[in-house]
C-alpha atoms as a PDB file:
ATOM      1  CA  MET A   1       9.748  14.808  12.726  1.00  0.00           C
ATOM      2  CA  PHE A   2      10.601  13.558   9.261  1.00  0.00           C
ATOM      3  CA  ASN A   3      13.931  12.673   7.670  1.00  0.00           C
ATOM      4  CA  GLU A   4      14.300  15.176   4.825  1.00  0.00           C
ATOM      5  CA  THR A   5      16.685  12.897   2.924  1.00  0.00           C
ATOM      6  CA  LEU A   6      13.682  10.681   2.142  1.00  0.00           C
ATOM      7  CA  LEU A   7      12.053  13.515   0.199  1.00  0.00           C
ATOM      8  CA  SER A   8      12.468  13.952  -3.516  1.00  0.00           C
ATOM      9  CA  PRO A   9      11.503  16.999  -5.563  1.00  0.00           C
ATOM     10  CA  PHE A  10       8.270  16.997  -7.510  1.00  0.00           C
ATOM     11  CA  HIS A  11       8.690  17.288 -11.266  1.00  0.00           C
ATOM     12  CA  GLU A  12       5.800  18.613 -13.333  1.00  0.00           C
ATOM     13  CA  PRO A  13       4.835  16.340 -16.221  1.00  0.00           C
ATOM     14  CA  LEU A  14       6.073  17.494 -19.608  1.00  0.00           C
ATOM     15  CA  PRO A  15       3.503  19.185 -21.857  1.00  0.00           C
ATOM     16  CA  GLY A  16       1.286  16.525 -23.340  1.00  0.00           C
ATOM     17  CA  GLN A  17       2.112  14.061 -20.566  1.00  0.00           C
ATOM     18  CA  SER A  18      -0.267  13.185 -17.812  1.00  0.00           C
ATOM     19  CA  ILE A  19      -0.026  11.007 -14.747  1.00  0.00           C
ATOM     20  CA  VAL A  20      -2.598   8.283 -15.099  1.00  0.00           C
ATOM     21  CA  GLN A  21      -3.439   6.169 -12.082  1.00  0.00           C
ATOM     22  CA  PRO A  22      -4.977   2.724 -12.590  1.00  0.00           C
ATOM     23  CA  PRO A  23      -8.723   2.530 -12.018  1.00  0.00           C
ATOM     24  CA  PRO A  24     -10.139   0.686  -9.000  1.00  0.00           C
ATOM     25  CA  VAL A  25     -10.650  -3.042  -9.468  1.00  0.00           C
ATOM     26  CA  GLN A  26     -14.111  -4.480  -9.052  1.00  0.00           C
ATOM     27  CA  GLY A  27     -14.082  -6.176  -5.669  1.00  0.00           C
ATOM     28  CA  ASP A  28     -16.606  -6.816  -2.944  1.00  0.00           C
ATOM     29  CA  THR A  29     -16.779  -3.118  -2.152  1.00  0.00           C
ATOM     30  CA  PRO A  30     -16.962  -0.052  -4.399  1.00  0.00           C
ATOM     31  CA  ASP A  31     -13.640   1.678  -5.097  1.00  0.00           C
ATOM     32  CA  SER A  32     -11.689  -1.460  -4.248  1.00  0.00           C
ATOM     33  CA  TYR A  33      -7.983  -1.465  -5.181  1.00  0.00           C
ATOM     34  CA  GLU A  34      -5.701  -4.453  -5.709  1.00  0.00           C
ATOM     35  CA  VAL A  35      -3.005  -5.093  -3.121  1.00  0.00           C
ATOM     36  CA  GLU A  36       0.435  -5.856  -4.554  1.00  0.00           C
ATOM     37  CA  ALA A  37       2.075  -6.600  -1.206  1.00  0.00           C
ATOM     38  CA  ILE A  38       1.873  -6.051   2.524  1.00  0.00           C
ATOM     39  CA  LEU A  39       5.189  -4.469   3.512  1.00  0.00           C
ATOM     40  CA  ASP A  40       4.991  -3.937   7.277  1.00  0.00           C
ATOM     41  CA  SER A  41       2.715  -3.802  10.297  1.00  0.00           C
ATOM     42  CA  ARG A  42       2.407  -1.563  13.323  1.00  0.00           C
ATOM     43  CA  LYS A  43       0.173  -1.089  16.331  1.00  0.00           C
ATOM     44  CA  ARG A  44      -1.715   2.198  16.661  1.00  0.00           C
ATOM     45  CA  ARG A  45      -4.284   2.855  19.381  1.00  0.00           C
ATOM     46  CA  LYS A  46      -4.348  -0.851  20.288  1.00  0.00           C
ATOM     47  CA  LYS A  47      -5.134  -1.877  16.688  1.00  0.00           C
ATOM     48  CA  ILE A  48      -2.890  -3.426  14.054  1.00  0.00           C
ATOM     49  CA  GLN A  49      -2.354  -1.582  10.773  1.00  0.00           C
ATOM     50  CA  TYR A  50      -0.633  -2.902   7.665  1.00  0.00           C
ATOM     51  CA  LEU A  51       1.517  -0.951   5.210  1.00  0.00           C
ATOM     52  CA  VAL A  52       0.020  -1.698   1.798  1.00  0.00           C
ATOM     53  CA  LYS A  53       1.768  -1.411  -1.585  1.00  0.00           C
ATOM     54  CA  TRP A  54      -1.037  -0.961  -4.128  1.00  0.00           C
ATOM     55  CA  LEU A  55      -0.761  -2.643  -7.528  1.00  0.00           C
ATOM     56  CA  GLY A  56       0.012  -0.104 -10.250  1.00  0.00           C
ATOM     57  CA  TYR A  57       0.968   2.677  -7.829  1.00  0.00           C
ATOM     58  CA  GLY A  58       4.383   3.906  -6.693  1.00  0.00           C
ATOM     59  CA  HIS A  59       5.732   3.543  -3.167  1.00  0.00           C
ATOM     60  CA  GLU A  60       4.744   7.147  -2.442  1.00  0.00           C
ATOM     61  CA  GLU A  61       1.122   5.935  -2.586  1.00  0.00           C
ATOM     62  CA  ASN A  62       1.582   3.216   0.089  1.00  0.00           C
ATOM     63  CA  THR A  63      -0.919   3.517   2.929  1.00  0.00           C
ATOM     64  CA  TRP A  64      -1.405   2.154   6.445  1.00  0.00           C
ATOM     65  CA  GLU A  65      -4.667   0.207   6.511  1.00  0.00           C
ATOM     66  CA  PRO A  66      -6.622  -1.532   9.283  1.00  0.00           C
ATOM     67  CA  ILE A  67      -7.412  -5.217   8.825  1.00  0.00           C
ATOM     68  CA  GLN A  68     -11.072  -4.509   7.998  1.00  0.00           C
ATOM     69  CA  ASN A  69      -9.930  -2.702   4.806  1.00  0.00           C
ATOM     70  CA  LEU A  70      -8.030  -5.784   3.609  1.00  0.00           C
ATOM     71  CA  LYS A  71     -10.842  -8.337   3.263  1.00  0.00           C
ATOM     72  CA  ASP A  72      -9.910  -8.991  -0.390  1.00  0.00           C
ATOM     73  CA  ALA A  73      -6.180  -9.323   0.386  1.00  0.00           C
ATOM     74  CA  LYS A  74      -6.088 -12.669   2.208  1.00  0.00           C
ATOM     75  CA  GLU A  75      -3.241 -14.033   0.060  1.00  0.00           C
ATOM     76  CA  ALA A  76      -1.074 -10.926   0.579  1.00  0.00           C
ATOM     77  CA  LEU A  77      -1.697 -11.052   4.344  1.00  0.00           C
ATOM     78  CA  ALA A  78      -0.852 -14.766   4.497  1.00  0.00           C
ATOM     79  CA  LEU A  79       2.373 -14.215   2.547  1.00  0.00           C
ATOM     80  CA  PHE A  80       3.333 -11.286   4.796  1.00  0.00           C
ATOM     81  CA  ARG A  81       2.734 -13.329   7.962  1.00  0.00           C
ATOM     82  CA  GLU A  82       4.635 -16.316   6.547  1.00  0.00           C
ATOM     83  CA  ASN A  83       7.642 -14.142   5.662  1.00  0.00           C
ATOM     84  CA  ARG A  84       7.620 -12.577   9.133  1.00  0.00           C
ATOM     85  CA  ARG A  85       7.864 -16.023  10.752  1.00  0.00           C
ATOM     86  CA  ALA A  86      10.614 -17.273   8.440  1.00  0.00           C
ATOM     87  CA  PRO A  87      14.141 -17.095   9.916  1.00  0.00           C
ATOM     88  CA  GLN A  88      16.272 -14.353   8.409  1.00  0.00           C
END
């Protein structure tokens, strides 16, 4: 099930406009992208996944990633964990 109020209509780019995504950053692995923030975590099949907001991409491009995909995002992970421990 999915809440349809979270959907928004797709609008075609105007003639002459194009949607340009940022290129991958050069990291330890090919096709490495820069993490802007870790937004959430969840447990799936006994493994933790993190909701990643990618730098230069909209929220519709956020993805759930396992920890092994976030080797270059130590600062973002530390900040996420620190904010989770902080009293609200």
